[in-house]
């Protein structure tokens, strides 16, 4: 079970965060006791089972993927046992 805090980026909604982490919308609402829409800079508690599988798209960088999922760049590389990423590679986040 993975548990962490995620900082909301500009233009994100509870729905988009739920999709990003492949979680039910109600889980994020319940875990964070949300009564209103989220705003940029808010911290959300995320609890999920297992890894996210992500296929690298054109123009993805380790940095952009790390920011997208709220993890460290070095953790992505170490978890996948690769020194760099490339288009088409499927990685675990």
PDB file of N, CA and C in Angstrom:
ATOM      1  N   UNK A   1       0.844  -1.174   0.000  1.00  0.00           N
ATOM      2  CA  UNK A   1       0.000   0.000   0.000  1.00  0.00           C
ATOM      3  C   UNK A   1       0.891   1.240   0.000  1.00  0.00           C
ATOM      4  N   UNK A   2       0.646   2.114  -0.925  1.00  0.00           N
ATOM      5  CA  UNK A   2       1.426   3.347  -1.029  1.00  0.00           C
ATOM      6  C   UNK A   2       0.592   4.503  -0.490  1.00  0.00           C
ATOM      7  N   UNK A   3       1.196   5.293   0.398  1.00  0.00           N
ATOM      8  CA  UNK A   3       0.517   6.445   0.996  1.00  0.00           C
ATOM      9  C   UNK A   3       1.424   7.654   0.866  1.00  0.00           C
ATOM     10  N   UNK A   4       0.867   8.772   0.401  1.00  0.00           N
ATOM     11  CA  UNK A   4       1.659   9.983   0.246  1.00  0.00           C
ATOM     12  C   UNK A   4       0.751  11.184   0.109  1.00  0.00           C
ATOM     13  N   UNK A   5       1.356  12.378   0.142  1.00  0.00           N
ATOM     14  CA  UNK A   5       0.622  13.606  -0.095  1.00  0.00           C
ATOM     15  C   UNK A   5       0.944  14.110  -1.494  1.00  0.00           C
ATOM     16  N   UNK A   6      -0.056  14.654  -2.151  1.00  0.00           N
ATOM     17  CA  UNK A   6       0.085  15.167  -3.512  1.00  0.00           C
ATOM     18  C   UNK A   6      -0.340  16.630  -3.526  1.00  0.00           C
ATOM     19  N   UNK A   7       0.530  17.498  -4.077  1.00  0.00           N
ATOM     20  CA  UNK A   7       0.203  18.918  -4.178  1.00  0.00           C
ATOM     21  C   UNK A   7      -0.527  19.171  -5.497  1.00  0.00           C
ATOM     22  N   UNK A   8      -1.701  19.789  -5.401  1.00  0.00           N
ATOM     23  CA  UNK A   8      -2.551  20.048  -6.556  1.00  0.00           C
ATOM     24  C   UNK A   8      -1.917  21.109  -7.452  1.00  0.00           C
ATOM     25  N   UNK A   9      -1.882  20.839  -8.745  1.00  0.00           N
ATOM     26  CA  UNK A   9      -1.356  21.774  -9.746  1.00  0.00           C
ATOM     27  C   UNK A   9      -2.483  22.641 -10.287  1.00  0.00           C
ATOM     28  N   UNK A  10      -2.112  23.661 -11.062  1.00  0.00           N
ATOM     29  CA  UNK A  10      -3.094  24.564 -11.659  1.00  0.00           C
ATOM     30  C   UNK A  10      -4.075  23.783 -12.529  1.00  0.00           C
ATOM     31  N   UNK A  11      -5.322  24.155 -12.464  1.00  0.00           N
ATOM     32  CA  UNK A  11      -6.413  23.599 -13.289  1.00  0.00           C
ATOM     33  C   UNK A  11      -6.755  22.148 -13.001  1.00  0.00           C
ATOM     34  N   UNK A  12      -6.248  21.573 -11.921  1.00  0.00           N
ATOM     35  CA  UNK A  12      -6.617  20.205 -11.581  1.00  0.00           C
ATOM     36  C   UNK A  12      -7.923  20.202 -10.789  1.00  0.00           C
ATOM     37  N   UNK A  13      -8.661  19.128 -10.954  1.00  0.00           N
ATOM     38  CA  UNK A  13      -9.894  18.924 -10.201  1.00  0.00           C
ATOM     39  C   UNK A  13      -9.761  17.616  -9.433  1.00  0.00           C
ATOM     40  N   UNK A  14     -10.693  17.372  -8.546  1.00  0.00           N
ATOM     41  CA  UNK A  14     -10.680  16.098  -7.823  1.00  0.00           C
ATOM     42  C   UNK A  14     -10.785  14.955  -8.831  1.00  0.00           C
ATOM     43  N   UNK A  15     -11.602  15.144  -9.842  1.00  0.00           N
ATOM     44  CA  UNK A  15     -11.778  14.120 -10.876  1.00  0.00           C
ATOM     45  C   UNK A  15     -10.464  13.843 -11.617  1.00  0.00           C
ATOM     46  N   UNK A  16      -9.742  14.909 -12.010  1.00  0.00           N
ATOM     47  CA  UNK A  16      -8.494  14.702 -12.755  1.00  0.00           C
ATOM     48  C   UNK A  16      -7.422  14.048 -11.878  1.00  0.00           C
ATOM     49  N   UNK A  17      -7.392  14.381 -10.595  1.00  0.00           N
ATOM     50  CA  UNK A  17      -6.432  13.752  -9.682  1.00  0.00           C
ATOM     51  C   UNK A  17      -6.792  12.273  -9.506  1.00  0.00           C
ATOM     52  N   UNK A  18      -8.071  11.979  -9.371  1.00  0.00           N
ATOM     53  CA  UNK A  18      -8.507  10.586  -9.247  1.00  0.00           C
ATOM     54  C   UNK A  18      -8.088   9.783 -10.481  1.00  0.00           C
ATOM     55  N   UNK A  19      -8.265  10.368 -11.656  1.00  0.00           N
ATOM     56  CA  UNK A  19      -7.851   9.693 -12.892  1.00  0.00           C
ATOM     57  C   UNK A  19      -6.344   9.510 -12.944  1.00  0.00           C
ATOM     58  N   UNK A  20      -5.597  10.513 -12.527  1.00  0.00           N
ATOM     59  CA  UNK A  20      -4.127  10.455 -12.565  1.00  0.00           C
ATOM     60  C   UNK A  20      -3.599   9.271 -11.752  1.00  0.00           C
ATOM     61  N   UNK A  21      -4.226   9.024 -10.605  1.00  0.00           N
ATOM     62  CA  UNK A  21      -3.750   7.970  -9.722  1.00  0.00           C
ATOM     63  C   UNK A  21      -4.621   6.711  -9.788  1.00  0.00           C
ATOM     64  N   UNK A  22      -5.522   6.672 -10.763  1.00  0.00           N
ATOM     65  CA  UNK A  22      -6.380   5.511 -10.978  1.00  0.00           C
ATOM     66  C   UNK A  22      -7.112   5.110  -9.699  1.00  0.00           C
ATOM     67  N   UNK A  23      -7.745   6.124  -9.077  1.00  0.00           N
ATOM     68  CA  UNK A  23      -8.492   5.923  -7.841  1.00  0.00           C
ATOM     69  C   UNK A  23      -9.945   6.319  -8.041  1.00  0.00           C
ATOM     70  N   UNK A  24     -10.850   5.750  -7.255  1.00  0.00           N
ATOM     71  CA  UNK A  24     -12.236   6.214  -7.317  1.00  0.00           C
ATOM     72  C   UNK A  24     -12.333   7.644  -6.773  1.00  0.00           C
ATOM     73  N   UNK A  25     -13.151   8.438  -7.393  1.00  0.00           N
ATOM     74  CA  UNK A  25     -13.360   9.824  -6.977  1.00  0.00           C
ATOM     75  C   UNK A  25     -13.761   9.891  -5.506  1.00  0.00           C
ATOM     76  N   UNK A  26     -14.652   9.011  -5.107  1.00  0.00           N
ATOM     77  CA  UNK A  26     -15.144   9.039  -3.725  1.00  0.00           C
ATOM     78  C   UNK A  26     -14.031   8.757  -2.710  1.00  0.00           C
ATOM     79  N   UNK A  27     -13.008   7.995  -3.104  1.00  0.00           N
ATOM     80  CA  UNK A  27     -11.903   7.703  -2.178  1.00  0.00           C
ATOM     81  C   UNK A  27     -11.124   8.965  -1.847  1.00  0.00           C
ATOM     82  N   UNK A  28     -10.861   9.795  -2.837  1.00  0.00           N
ATOM     83  CA  UNK A  28     -10.125  11.041  -2.590  1.00  0.00           C
ATOM     84  C   UNK A  28     -10.974  11.997  -1.762  1.00  0.00           C
ATOM     85  N   UNK A  29     -12.252  12.086  -2.090  1.00  0.00           N
ATOM     86  CA  UNK A  29     -13.150  12.969  -1.337  1.00  0.00           C
ATOM     87  C   UNK A  29     -13.218  12.527   0.119  1.00  0.00           C
ATOM     88  N   UNK A  30     -13.394  11.221   0.345  1.00  0.00           N
ATOM     89  CA  UNK A  30     -13.513  10.699   1.712  1.00  0.00           C
ATOM     90  C   UNK A  30     -12.199  10.827   2.477  1.00  0.00           C
ATOM     91  N   UNK A  31     -11.081  10.399   1.864  1.00  0.00           N
ATOM     92  CA  UNK A  31      -9.788  10.428   2.550  1.00  0.00           C
ATOM     93  C   UNK A  31      -9.353  11.833   2.939  1.00  0.00           C
ATOM     94  N   UNK A  32      -9.834  12.840   2.195  1.00  0.00           N
ATOM     95  CA  UNK A  32      -9.426  14.224   2.455  1.00  0.00           C
ATOM     96  C   UNK A  32     -10.543  15.060   3.056  1.00  0.00           C
ATOM     97  N   UNK A  33     -11.675  14.415   3.364  1.00  0.00           N
ATOM     98  CA  UNK A  33     -12.813  15.102   3.968  1.00  0.00           C
ATOM     99  C   UNK A  33     -13.157  16.381   3.197  1.00  0.00           C
ATOM    100  N   UNK A  34     -13.239  16.252   1.873  1.00  0.00           N
ATOM    101  CA  UNK A  34     -13.468  17.423   1.014  1.00  0.00           C
ATOM    102  C   UNK A  34     -14.928  17.843   1.058  1.00  0.00           C
ATOM    103  N   UNK A  35     -15.134  19.146   1.242  1.00  0.00           N
ATOM    104  CA  UNK A  35     -16.474  19.737   1.245  1.00  0.00           C
ATOM    105  C   UNK A  35     -16.648  20.702   0.081  1.00  0.00           C
ATOM    106  N   UNK A  36     -15.513  21.032  -0.585  1.00  0.00           N
ATOM    107  CA  UNK A  36     -15.538  21.970  -1.707  1.00  0.00           C
ATOM    108  C   UNK A  36     -14.509  21.525  -2.742  1.00  0.00           C
ATOM    109  N   UNK A  37     -14.498  22.216  -3.867  1.00  0.00           N
ATOM    110  CA  UNK A  37     -13.529  21.896  -4.925  1.00  0.00           C
ATOM    111  C   UNK A  37     -12.119  22.202  -4.436  1.00  0.00           C
ATOM    112  N   UNK A  38     -11.145  21.516  -4.992  1.00  0.00           N
ATOM    113  CA  UNK A  38      -9.750  21.737  -4.621  1.00  0.00           C
ATOM    114  C   UNK A  38      -9.173  22.926  -5.385  1.00  0.00           C
ATOM    115  N   UNK A  39      -8.075  23.462  -4.862  1.00  0.00           N
ATOM    116  CA  UNK A  39      -7.411  24.613  -5.476  1.00  0.00           C
ATOM    117  C   UNK A  39      -5.928  24.319  -5.656  1.00  0.00           C
ATOM    118  N   UNK A  40      -5.297  25.056  -6.558  1.00  0.00           N
ATOM    119  CA  UNK A  40      -3.863  24.918  -6.773  1.00  0.00           C
ATOM    120  C   UNK A  40      -3.132  25.112  -5.451  1.00  0.00           C
ATOM    121  N   UNK A  41      -2.204  24.198  -5.167  1.00  0.00           N
ATOM    122  CA  UNK A  41      -1.414  24.277  -3.947  1.00  0.00           C
ATOM    123  C   UNK A  41      -1.952  23.437  -2.799  1.00  0.00           C
ATOM    124  N   UNK A  42      -3.209  22.994  -2.881  1.00  0.00           N
ATOM    125  CA  UNK A  42      -3.766  22.141  -1.830  1.00  0.00           C
ATOM    126  C   UNK A  42      -2.983  20.832  -1.756  1.00  0.00           C
ATOM    127  N   UNK A  43      -2.901  20.264  -0.573  1.00  0.00           N
ATOM    128  CA  UNK A  43      -2.280  18.955  -0.385  1.00  0.00           C
ATOM    129  C   UNK A  43      -3.378  17.923  -0.204  1.00  0.00           C
ATOM    130  N   UNK A  44      -3.302  16.867  -0.985  1.00  0.00           N
ATOM    131  CA  UNK A  44      -4.270  15.783  -0.880  1.00  0.00           C
ATOM    132  C   UNK A  44      -3.567  14.517  -0.411  1.00  0.00           C
ATOM    133  N   UNK A  45      -4.188  13.809   0.490  1.00  0.00           N
ATOM    134  CA  UNK A  45      -3.692  12.526   0.952  1.00  0.00           C
ATOM    135  C   UNK A  45      -4.121  11.474  -0.066  1.00  0.00           C
ATOM    136  N   UNK A  46      -3.152  10.719  -0.562  1.00  0.00           N
ATOM    137  CA  UNK A  46      -3.420   9.688  -1.558  1.00  0.00           C
ATOM    138  C   UNK A  46      -3.005   8.341  -0.976  1.00  0.00           C
ATOM    139  N   UNK A  47      -3.886   7.373  -1.092  1.00  0.00           N
ATOM    140  CA  UNK A  47      -3.593   6.009  -0.645  1.00  0.00           C
ATOM    141  C   UNK A  47      -4.000   5.077  -1.765  1.00  0.00           C
ATOM    142  N   UNK A  48      -3.042   4.319  -2.255  1.00  0.00           N
ATOM    143  CA  UNK A  48      -3.343   3.420  -3.368  1.00  0.00           C
ATOM    144  C   UNK A  48      -2.561   2.125  -3.223  1.00  0.00           C
ATOM    145  N   UNK A  49      -3.099   1.112  -3.828  1.00  0.00           N
ATOM    146  CA  UNK A  49      -2.458  -0.200  -3.804  1.00  0.00           C
ATOM    147  C   UNK A  49      -1.676  -0.396  -5.096  1.00  0.00           C
ATOM    148  N   UNK A  50      -0.451  -0.807  -4.983  1.00  0.00           N
ATOM    149  CA  UNK A  50       0.339  -1.138  -6.163  1.00  0.00           C
ATOM    150  C   UNK A  50       0.885   0.051  -6.930  1.00  0.00           C
ATOM    151  N   UNK A  51       1.563  -0.280  -8.026  1.00  0.00           N
ATOM    152  CA  UNK A  51       2.205   0.722  -8.871  1.00  0.00           C
ATOM    153  C   UNK A  51       1.283   1.160  -9.997  1.00  0.00           C
ATOM    154  N   UNK A  52       1.520   2.371 -10.467  1.00  0.00           N
ATOM    155  CA  UNK A  52       0.873   2.844 -11.684  1.00  0.00           C
ATOM    156  C   UNK A  52       1.770   2.435 -12.841  1.00  0.00           C
ATOM    157  N   UNK A  53       1.173   1.911 -13.886  1.00  0.00           N
ATOM    158  CA  UNK A  53       1.923   1.575 -15.089  1.00  0.00           C
ATOM    159  C   UNK A  53       1.681   2.704 -16.086  1.00  0.00           C
ATOM    160  N   UNK A  54       2.762   3.253 -16.639  1.00  0.00           N
ATOM    161  CA  UNK A  54       2.676   4.416 -17.520  1.00  0.00           C
ATOM    162  C   UNK A  54       3.509   4.168 -18.770  1.00  0.00           C
ATOM    163  N   UNK A  55       2.943   4.461 -19.918  1.00  0.00           N
ATOM    164  CA  UNK A  55       3.682   4.330 -21.178  1.00  0.00           C
ATOM    165  C   UNK A  55       4.209   5.706 -21.565  1.00  0.00           C
ATOM    166  N   UNK A  56       5.507   5.815 -21.736  1.00  0.00           N
ATOM    167  CA  UNK A  56       6.161   7.083 -22.054  1.00  0.00           C
ATOM    168  C   UNK A  56       5.690   7.565 -23.428  1.00  0.00           C
ATOM    169  N   UNK A  57       5.266   8.816 -23.481  1.00  0.00           N
ATOM    170  CA  UNK A  57       4.773   9.426 -24.710  1.00  0.00           C
ATOM    171  C   UNK A  57       5.826  10.377 -25.277  1.00  0.00           C
ATOM    172  N   UNK A  58       5.645  10.825 -26.526  1.00  0.00           N
ATOM    173  CA  UNK A  58       6.621  11.764 -27.086  1.00  0.00           C
ATOM    174  C   UNK A  58       6.742  13.006 -26.203  1.00  0.00           C
ATOM    175  N   UNK A  59       7.933  13.486 -26.044  1.00  0.00           N
ATOM    176  CA  UNK A  59       8.276  14.683 -25.274  1.00  0.00           C
ATOM    177  C   UNK A  59       8.202  14.500 -23.765  1.00  0.00           C
ATOM    178  N   UNK A  60       7.896  13.281 -23.275  1.00  0.00           N
ATOM    179  CA  UNK A  60       7.979  13.023 -21.841  1.00  0.00           C
ATOM    180  C   UNK A  60       9.441  13.054 -21.423  1.00  0.00           C
ATOM    181  N   UNK A  61       9.683  13.568 -20.239  1.00  0.00           N
ATOM    182  CA  UNK A  61      11.000  13.490 -19.618  1.00  0.00           C
ATOM    183  C   UNK A  61      10.807  12.869 -18.242  1.00  0.00           C
ATOM    184  N   UNK A  62      11.887  12.414 -17.642  1.00  0.00           N
ATOM    185  CA  UNK A  62      11.785  11.878 -16.283  1.00  0.00           C
ATOM    186  C   UNK A  62      11.243  12.966 -15.367  1.00  0.00           C
ATOM    187  N   UNK A  63      11.701  14.187 -15.574  1.00  0.00           N
ATOM    188  CA  UNK A  63      11.254  15.314 -14.751  1.00  0.00           C
ATOM    189  C   UNK A  63       9.751  15.547 -14.910  1.00  0.00           C
ATOM    190  N   UNK A  64       9.253  15.567 -16.141  1.00  0.00           N
ATOM    191  CA  UNK A  64       7.824  15.840 -16.352  1.00  0.00           C
ATOM    192  C   UNK A  64       6.953  14.718 -15.787  1.00  0.00           C
ATOM    193  N   UNK A  65       7.409  13.493 -15.901  1.00  0.00           N
ATOM    194  CA  UNK A  65       6.650  12.362 -15.356  1.00  0.00           C
ATOM    195  C   UNK A  65       6.658  12.420 -13.827  1.00  0.00           C
ATOM    196  N   UNK A  66       7.810  12.721 -13.248  1.00  0.00           N
ATOM    197  CA  UNK A  66       7.914  12.824 -11.790  1.00  0.00           C
ATOM    198  C   UNK A  66       6.970  13.903 -11.259  1.00  0.00           C
ATOM    199  N   UNK A  67       6.936  15.048 -11.932  1.00  0.00           N
ATOM    200  CA  UNK A  67       6.038  16.122 -11.514  1.00  0.00           C
ATOM    201  C   UNK A  67       4.580  15.717 -11.676  1.00  0.00           C
ATOM    202  N   UNK A  68       4.275  15.051 -12.751  1.00  0.00           N
ATOM    203  CA  UNK A  68       2.905  14.629 -13.037  1.00  0.00           C
ATOM    204  C   UNK A  68       2.352  13.707 -11.950  1.00  0.00           C
ATOM    205  N   UNK A  69       3.212  12.824 -11.434  1.00  0.00           N
ATOM    206  CA  UNK A  69       2.765  11.843 -10.455  1.00  0.00           C
ATOM    207  C   UNK A  69       3.219  12.149  -9.033  1.00  0.00           C
ATOM    208  N   UNK A  70       3.909  13.259  -8.835  1.00  0.00           N
ATOM    209  CA  UNK A  70       4.316  13.653  -7.492  1.00  0.00           C
ATOM    210  C   UNK A  70       5.336  12.737  -6.857  1.00  0.00           C
ATOM    211  N   UNK A  71       6.289  12.260  -7.673  1.00  0.00           N
ATOM    212  CA  UNK A  71       7.351  11.389  -7.165  1.00  0.00           C
ATOM    213  C   UNK A  71       8.712  11.982  -7.539  1.00  0.00           C
ATOM    214  N   UNK A  72       9.778  11.373  -7.050  1.00  0.00           N
ATOM    215  CA  UNK A  72      11.128  11.842  -7.358  1.00  0.00           C
ATOM    216  C   UNK A  72      11.637  11.189  -8.638  1.00  0.00           C
ATOM    217  N   UNK A  73      12.404  11.959  -9.415  1.00  0.00           N
ATOM    218  CA  UNK A  73      12.967  11.457 -10.671  1.00  0.00           C
ATOM    219  C   UNK A  73      13.801  10.204 -10.447  1.00  0.00           C
ATOM    220  N   UNK A  74      14.681  10.245  -9.452  1.00  0.00           N
ATOM    221  CA  UNK A  74      15.575   9.110  -9.210  1.00  0.00           C
ATOM    222  C   UNK A  74      14.782   7.863  -8.843  1.00  0.00           C
ATOM    223  N   UNK A  75      13.632   8.032  -8.184  1.00  0.00           N
ATOM    224  CA  UNK A  75      12.814   6.876  -7.811  1.00  0.00           C
ATOM    225  C   UNK A  75      12.234   6.184  -9.046  1.00  0.00           C
ATOM    226  N   UNK A  76      11.852   6.972 -10.045  1.00  0.00           N
ATOM    227  CA  UNK A  76      11.330   6.391 -11.286  1.00  0.00           C
ATOM    228  C   UNK A  76      12.412   5.546 -11.960  1.00  0.00           C
ATOM    229  N   UNK A  77      13.601   6.110 -12.089  1.00  0.00           N
ATOM    230  CA  UNK A  77      14.697   5.403 -12.750  1.00  0.00           C
ATOM    231  C   UNK A  77      15.095   4.147 -11.976  1.00  0.00           C
ATOM    232  N   UNK A  78      15.206   4.271 -10.654  1.00  0.00           N
ATOM    233  CA  UNK A  78      15.601   3.125  -9.830  1.00  0.00           C
ATOM    234  C   UNK A  78      14.546   2.024  -9.857  1.00  0.00           C
ATOM    235  N   UNK A  79      13.284   2.402  -9.743  1.00  0.00           N
ATOM    236  CA  UNK A  79      12.209   1.410  -9.717  1.00  0.00           C
ATOM    237  C   UNK A  79      12.165   0.597 -11.007  1.00  0.00           C
ATOM    238  N   UNK A  80      12.538   1.245 -12.130  1.00  0.00           N
ATOM    239  CA  UNK A  80      12.467   0.590 -13.421  1.00  0.00           C
ATOM    240  C   UNK A  80      13.808   0.042 -13.890  1.00  0.00           C
ATOM    241  N   UNK A  81      14.868   0.291 -13.126  1.00  0.00           N
ATOM    242  CA  UNK A  81      16.181  -0.242 -13.451  1.00  0.00           C
ATOM    243  C   UNK A  81      16.744   0.268 -14.763  1.00  0.00           C
ATOM    244  N   UNK A  82      16.452   1.536 -15.068  1.00  0.00           N
ATOM    245  CA  UNK A  82      16.937   2.141 -16.316  1.00  0.00           C
ATOM    246  C   UNK A  82      17.672   3.443 -16.016  1.00  0.00           C
ATOM    247  N   UNK A  83      18.663   3.795 -16.859  1.00  0.00           N
ATOM    248  CA  UNK A  83      19.373   5.062 -16.652  1.00  0.00           C
ATOM    249  C   UNK A  83      18.645   6.245 -17.290  1.00  0.00           C
ATOM    250  N   UNK A  84      17.716   5.962 -18.210  1.00  0.00           N
ATOM    251  CA  UNK A  84      16.947   7.019 -18.883  1.00  0.00           C
ATOM    252  C   UNK A  84      15.658   6.404 -19.433  1.00  0.00           C
ATOM    253  N   UNK A  85      14.750   7.270 -19.874  1.00  0.00           N
ATOM    254  CA  UNK A  85      13.493   6.784 -20.466  1.00  0.00           C
ATOM    255  C   UNK A  85      13.445   7.179 -21.935  1.00  0.00           C
ATOM    256  N   UNK A  86      12.555   6.527 -22.670  1.00  0.00           N
ATOM    257  CA  UNK A  86      12.394   6.858 -24.078  1.00  0.00           C
ATOM    258  C   UNK A  86      10.960   6.551 -24.498  1.00  0.00           C
ATOM    259  N   UNK A  87      10.556   7.161 -25.597  1.00  0.00           N
ATOM    260  CA  UNK A  87       9.203   7.010 -26.121  1.00  0.00           C
ATOM    261  C   UNK A  87       8.865   5.525 -26.314  1.00  0.00           C
ATOM    262  N   UNK A  88       7.685   5.150 -25.837  1.00  0.00           N
ATOM    263  CA  UNK A  88       7.221   3.783 -25.983  1.00  0.00           C
ATOM    264  C   UNK A  88       7.543   2.870 -24.812  1.00  0.00           C
ATOM    265  N   UNK A  89       8.474   3.278 -23.954  1.00  0.00           N
ATOM    266  CA  UNK A  89       8.844   2.481 -22.792  1.00  0.00           C
ATOM    267  C   UNK A  89       7.681   2.456 -21.801  1.00  0.00           C
ATOM    268  N   UNK A  90       7.374   1.294 -21.254  1.00  0.00           N
ATOM    269  CA  UNK A  90       6.352   1.186 -20.216  1.00  0.00           C
ATOM    270  C   UNK A  90       7.081   1.109 -18.875  1.00  0.00           C
ATOM    271  N   UNK A  91       6.727   2.018 -17.970  1.00  0.00           N
ATOM    272  CA  UNK A  91       7.396   2.108 -16.673  1.00  0.00           C
ATOM    273  C   UNK A  91       6.384   2.014 -15.544  1.00  0.00           C
ATOM    274  N   UNK A  92       6.911   1.697 -14.364  1.00  0.00           N
ATOM    275  CA  UNK A  92       6.108   1.717 -13.143  1.00  0.00           C
ATOM    276  C   UNK A  92       6.414   3.001 -12.393  1.00  0.00           C
ATOM    277  N   UNK A  93       5.389   3.601 -11.847  1.00  0.00           N
ATOM    278  CA  UNK A  93       5.541   4.847 -11.096  1.00  0.00           C
ATOM    279  C   UNK A  93       5.391   4.529  -9.619  1.00  0.00           C
TER     280      UNK A  93
END
